[in-house]
N, C-alpha and C. Protein backbone atom coordinates (compact mmCIF):
# COMPACT_ATOMS: atom_id res chain seq x y z
N MET A 1 69.07 105.93 101.95
CA MET A 1 69.64 105.76 103.27
C MET A 1 69.90 107.15 103.86
N ALA A 2 69.40 107.39 105.03
CA ALA A 2 69.46 108.72 105.65
C ALA A 2 70.89 109.18 105.90
N VAL A 3 71.76 108.29 106.35
CA VAL A 3 73.14 108.70 106.64
C VAL A 3 73.86 109.09 105.37
N ALA A 4 73.66 108.33 104.29
CA ALA A 4 74.30 108.67 103.02
C ALA A 4 73.81 110.03 102.54
N ALA A 5 72.54 110.30 102.69
CA ALA A 5 71.99 111.60 102.30
C ALA A 5 72.61 112.70 103.15
N SER A 6 72.78 112.43 104.44
CA SER A 6 73.40 113.41 105.33
C SER A 6 74.84 113.69 104.93
N LEU A 7 75.58 112.65 104.61
CA LEU A 7 76.97 112.84 104.19
C LEU A 7 77.06 113.72 102.96
N THR A 8 76.26 113.40 101.94
CA THR A 8 76.36 114.16 100.70
C THR A 8 75.79 115.56 100.84
N LYS A 9 74.83 115.75 101.75
CA LYS A 9 74.26 117.08 101.97
C LYS A 9 75.28 118.00 102.64
N HIS A 10 75.93 117.50 103.69
CA HIS A 10 76.85 118.34 104.45
C HIS A 10 78.26 118.36 103.88
N TRP A 11 78.67 117.29 103.25
CA TRP A 11 80.00 117.22 102.66
C TRP A 11 79.86 116.70 101.23
N PRO A 12 79.46 117.55 100.28
CA PRO A 12 79.19 117.07 98.92
C PRO A 12 80.42 116.46 98.26
N SER A 13 81.61 116.79 98.76
CA SER A 13 82.80 116.21 98.16
C SER A 13 83.23 114.92 98.87
N CYS A 14 82.39 114.41 99.75
CA CYS A 14 82.69 113.16 100.45
C CYS A 14 82.57 112.03 99.45
N ALA A 15 83.65 111.74 98.81
CA ALA A 15 83.65 110.77 97.73
C ALA A 15 84.82 109.82 97.90
N ALA A 16 84.83 108.81 97.11
CA ALA A 16 85.90 107.84 97.15
C ALA A 16 86.40 107.61 95.73
N ILE A 17 87.63 107.25 95.63
CA ILE A 17 88.18 106.86 94.33
C ILE A 17 88.34 105.35 94.37
N ILE A 18 87.74 104.69 93.42
CA ILE A 18 87.82 103.24 93.34
C ILE A 18 88.77 102.89 92.20
N PHE A 19 89.75 102.05 92.50
CA PHE A 19 90.62 101.53 91.46
C PHE A 19 90.13 100.13 91.11
N ILE A 20 89.85 99.93 89.84
CA ILE A 20 89.31 98.65 89.38
C ILE A 20 90.34 98.02 88.45
N LYS A 21 90.75 96.81 88.78
CA LYS A 21 91.75 96.12 87.98
C LYS A 21 91.11 95.64 86.69
N GLN A 22 91.65 96.10 85.55
CA GLN A 22 91.12 95.68 84.26
C GLN A 22 91.82 94.41 83.78
N ASN A 23 93.10 94.39 83.93
CA ASN A 23 93.87 93.19 83.60
C ASN A 23 95.14 93.22 84.43
N ARG A 24 96.11 92.43 84.05
CA ARG A 24 97.30 92.24 84.89
C ARG A 24 97.99 93.53 85.32
N ASN A 25 98.14 94.49 84.43
CA ASN A 25 98.90 95.70 84.74
C ASN A 25 98.12 96.99 84.54
N ARG A 26 96.84 96.92 84.29
CA ARG A 26 96.07 98.13 84.03
C ARG A 26 94.93 98.27 85.02
N TYR A 27 94.76 99.49 85.45
CA TYR A 27 93.65 99.82 86.36
C TYR A 27 92.89 101.00 85.77
N LYS A 28 91.61 101.04 86.00
CA LYS A 28 90.85 102.25 85.70
C LYS A 28 90.34 102.77 87.04
N TRP A 29 89.94 104.01 87.09
CA TRP A 29 89.42 104.56 88.34
C TRP A 29 88.18 105.36 88.06
N GLN A 30 87.38 105.52 89.10
CA GLN A 30 86.18 106.34 89.00
C GLN A 30 85.91 106.96 90.36
N ASN A 31 85.30 108.12 90.36
CA ASN A 31 84.88 108.76 91.60
C ASN A 31 83.52 108.20 91.99
N SER A 32 83.35 107.92 93.26
CA SER A 32 82.08 107.38 93.75
C SER A 32 81.81 107.92 95.13
N LEU A 33 80.55 107.94 95.51
CA LEU A 33 80.19 108.29 96.87
C LEU A 33 80.54 107.13 97.80
N LEU A 34 80.83 107.44 99.03
CA LEU A 34 81.22 106.40 99.99
C LEU A 34 80.15 105.31 100.09
N ALA A 35 78.90 105.69 100.10
CA ALA A 35 77.82 104.69 100.18
C ALA A 35 77.87 103.74 98.99
N GLU A 36 78.19 104.26 97.82
CA GLU A 36 78.29 103.41 96.62
C GLU A 36 79.46 102.44 96.75
N VAL A 37 80.56 102.91 97.32
CA VAL A 37 81.73 102.05 97.51
C VAL A 37 81.39 100.93 98.48
N LEU A 38 80.76 101.27 99.60
CA LEU A 38 80.40 100.25 100.58
C LEU A 38 79.43 99.23 99.98
N GLU A 39 78.49 99.71 99.19
CA GLU A 39 77.54 98.82 98.54
C GLU A 39 78.25 97.87 97.57
N LEU A 40 79.24 98.38 96.87
CA LEU A 40 80.01 97.57 95.91
C LEU A 40 80.86 96.52 96.63
N VAL A 41 81.47 96.90 97.74
CA VAL A 41 82.41 96.04 98.44
C VAL A 41 81.70 95.04 99.36
N LYS A 42 80.54 95.38 99.87
CA LYS A 42 79.87 94.56 100.87
C LYS A 42 79.74 93.08 100.50
N PRO A 43 79.32 92.73 99.28
CA PRO A 43 79.15 91.30 98.99
C PRO A 43 80.48 90.53 98.83
N THR A 44 81.59 91.23 98.83
CA THR A 44 82.89 90.58 98.68
C THR A 44 83.49 90.33 100.06
N GLN A 45 84.69 89.80 100.10
CA GLN A 45 85.43 89.60 101.34
C GLN A 45 86.47 90.70 101.55
N ALA A 46 86.45 91.71 100.69
CA ALA A 46 87.49 92.75 100.70
C ALA A 46 87.42 93.63 101.95
N MET A 47 88.59 94.06 102.37
CA MET A 47 88.72 95.07 103.42
C MET A 47 88.75 96.41 102.71
N ILE A 48 88.41 97.47 103.44
CA ILE A 48 88.41 98.80 102.83
C ILE A 48 89.07 99.79 103.78
N ASN A 49 89.88 100.68 103.21
CA ASN A 49 90.52 101.75 103.98
C ASN A 49 89.76 103.04 103.68
N ILE A 50 89.25 103.68 104.73
CA ILE A 50 88.58 104.97 104.57
C ILE A 50 89.49 106.02 105.18
N GLU A 51 90.01 106.89 104.33
CA GLU A 51 90.85 107.98 104.83
C GLU A 51 89.97 109.21 105.03
N ILE A 52 89.99 109.74 106.24
CA ILE A 52 89.23 110.95 106.54
C ILE A 52 90.12 112.13 106.26
N LYS A 53 89.72 112.91 105.29
CA LYS A 53 90.50 114.07 104.84
C LYS A 53 90.06 115.30 105.60
N SER A 54 90.64 115.51 106.74
CA SER A 54 90.37 116.72 107.49
C SER A 54 91.70 117.16 108.08
N GLY A 55 91.86 118.41 108.21
CA GLY A 55 93.12 118.94 108.74
C GLY A 55 93.02 120.44 108.80
N ILE A 56 93.43 121.07 107.71
CA ILE A 56 93.33 122.53 107.62
C ILE A 56 91.86 122.94 107.69
N VAL A 57 91.03 122.22 106.94
CA VAL A 57 89.58 122.43 107.00
C VAL A 57 89.01 121.29 107.84
N LEU A 58 88.31 121.64 108.91
CA LEU A 58 87.70 120.63 109.76
C LEU A 58 86.22 120.50 109.41
N TYR A 59 85.77 119.28 109.25
CA TYR A 59 84.37 119.01 108.93
C TYR A 59 83.72 118.43 110.17
N GLU A 60 83.11 119.29 110.96
CA GLU A 60 82.53 118.87 112.24
C GLU A 60 81.52 117.74 112.04
N GLY A 61 81.72 116.65 112.76
CA GLY A 61 80.79 115.54 112.72
C GLY A 61 81.03 114.52 111.63
N ILE A 62 82.03 114.72 110.78
CA ILE A 62 82.23 113.79 109.67
C ILE A 62 82.60 112.40 110.16
N GLU A 63 83.36 112.32 111.24
CA GLU A 63 83.75 111.00 111.76
C GLU A 63 82.53 110.19 112.17
N LYS A 64 81.61 110.82 112.89
CA LYS A 64 80.41 110.11 113.33
C LYS A 64 79.54 109.72 112.14
N ALA A 65 79.43 110.59 111.16
CA ALA A 65 78.61 110.29 109.98
C ALA A 65 79.20 109.14 109.18
N VAL A 66 80.52 109.13 109.00
CA VAL A 66 81.16 108.04 108.26
C VAL A 66 81.02 106.74 109.04
N TRP A 67 81.28 106.78 110.35
CA TRP A 67 81.15 105.59 111.18
C TRP A 67 79.72 105.04 111.12
N ALA A 68 78.72 105.91 111.19
CA ALA A 68 77.32 105.48 111.15
C ALA A 68 76.99 104.82 109.81
N LEU A 69 77.54 105.35 108.73
CA LEU A 69 77.29 104.76 107.41
C LEU A 69 77.90 103.36 107.34
N VAL A 70 79.12 103.22 107.83
CA VAL A 70 79.77 101.91 107.86
C VAL A 70 78.96 100.94 108.72
N ARG A 71 78.49 101.40 109.87
CA ARG A 71 77.66 100.57 110.75
C ARG A 71 76.37 100.15 110.05
N ASP A 72 75.73 101.09 109.35
CA ASP A 72 74.48 100.77 108.65
C ASP A 72 74.68 99.67 107.60
N PHE A 73 75.88 99.62 107.02
CA PHE A 73 76.19 98.58 106.04
C PHE A 73 76.68 97.30 106.72
N GLY A 74 76.88 97.34 108.05
CA GLY A 74 77.34 96.17 108.78
C GLY A 74 78.76 95.78 108.43
N MET A 75 79.60 96.77 108.15
CA MET A 75 80.96 96.48 107.69
C MET A 75 82.04 96.94 108.68
N GLN A 76 81.68 97.11 109.94
CA GLN A 76 82.62 97.62 110.93
C GLN A 76 83.90 96.80 111.01
N ASP A 77 83.80 95.49 110.88
CA ASP A 77 84.98 94.64 111.01
C ASP A 77 85.82 94.58 109.75
N ARG A 78 85.39 95.25 108.68
CA ARG A 78 86.13 95.21 107.41
C ARG A 78 86.65 96.57 106.99
N VAL A 79 86.60 97.54 107.91
CA VAL A 79 87.03 98.90 107.58
C VAL A 79 88.20 99.31 108.46
N LEU A 80 89.20 99.91 107.83
CA LEU A 80 90.32 100.54 108.52
C LEU A 80 90.21 102.03 108.24
N TYR A 81 90.20 102.84 109.29
CA TYR A 81 90.13 104.29 109.13
C TYR A 81 91.55 104.84 109.20
N SER A 82 91.86 105.78 108.33
CA SER A 82 93.16 106.43 108.38
C SER A 82 92.97 107.93 108.18
N SER A 83 93.96 108.70 108.64
CA SER A 83 93.89 110.15 108.52
C SER A 83 95.24 110.74 108.87
N PHE A 84 95.54 111.89 108.30
CA PHE A 84 96.70 112.67 108.73
C PHE A 84 96.38 113.39 110.04
N ASN A 85 95.10 113.55 110.32
CA ASN A 85 94.64 114.28 111.49
C ASN A 85 94.36 113.29 112.63
N HIS A 86 95.23 113.27 113.62
CA HIS A 86 95.04 112.32 114.71
C HIS A 86 93.79 112.61 115.54
N PHE A 87 93.29 113.84 115.49
CA PHE A 87 92.05 114.15 116.21
C PHE A 87 90.86 113.39 115.63
N SER A 88 90.86 113.23 114.31
CA SER A 88 89.78 112.45 113.68
C SER A 88 89.82 111.00 114.15
N LEU A 89 91.01 110.44 114.26
CA LEU A 89 91.14 109.05 114.70
C LEU A 89 90.77 108.90 116.17
N THR A 90 91.14 109.90 116.96
CA THR A 90 90.75 109.89 118.38
C THR A 90 89.23 109.95 118.52
N THR A 91 88.61 110.80 117.71
CA THR A 91 87.15 110.91 117.73
C THR A 91 86.50 109.58 117.36
N LEU A 92 87.03 108.90 116.36
CA LEU A 92 86.49 107.59 115.97
C LEU A 92 86.62 106.58 117.11
N LYS A 93 87.74 106.60 117.81
CA LYS A 93 87.93 105.68 118.94
C LYS A 93 86.95 105.99 120.07
N GLN A 94 86.62 107.28 120.24
CA GLN A 94 85.64 107.66 121.27
C GLN A 94 84.24 107.19 120.88
N ILE A 95 83.94 107.23 119.60
CA ILE A 95 82.64 106.77 119.11
C ILE A 95 82.53 105.26 119.26
N ASP A 96 83.59 104.55 118.86
CA ASP A 96 83.59 103.08 118.91
C ASP A 96 85.01 102.61 119.19
N SER A 97 85.23 102.08 120.37
CA SER A 97 86.58 101.67 120.77
C SER A 97 87.11 100.50 119.95
N HIS A 98 86.27 99.85 119.16
CA HIS A 98 86.71 98.71 118.36
C HIS A 98 87.15 99.09 116.95
N THR A 99 87.10 100.38 116.61
CA THR A 99 87.52 100.78 115.26
C THR A 99 89.01 100.53 115.08
N LYS A 100 89.38 100.22 113.85
CA LYS A 100 90.79 100.02 113.51
C LYS A 100 91.28 101.31 112.87
N ASN A 101 92.28 101.94 113.49
CA ASN A 101 92.77 103.24 113.03
C ASN A 101 94.26 103.18 112.71
N ARG A 102 94.67 103.99 111.74
CA ARG A 102 96.08 104.18 111.43
C ARG A 102 96.29 105.64 111.06
N ILE A 103 97.30 106.27 111.67
CA ILE A 103 97.61 107.64 111.31
C ILE A 103 98.54 107.61 110.10
N VAL A 104 98.34 108.56 109.19
CA VAL A 104 99.16 108.67 108.00
C VAL A 104 100.24 109.70 108.28
N VAL A 105 101.49 109.32 108.06
CA VAL A 105 102.63 110.20 108.34
C VAL A 105 103.47 110.30 107.07
N LEU A 106 103.91 111.52 106.77
CA LEU A 106 104.81 111.70 105.62
C LEU A 106 106.24 111.65 106.06
């Protein structure tokens, strides 16, 4: 997939941490690329939160690349975008006014 290749080429650390429930009180985790996470979640009914980690370091175009990847998977209605950087969320709203955004505040 071209968008996934673009994400990993320009932002090699664009990864996700997946928590997998092993049993009632235990979880394991693994690092995965965002495309792998979307592929894993797509056949389920699960919603997914994508936090865009930009702030001190700005990754120009990451919002559009992430949005395009989500669109390519057809999962726009199952994704919530979050970020500490309100500019990233504003950019996502400019790209697609139907995105669901939440700012993260400490």
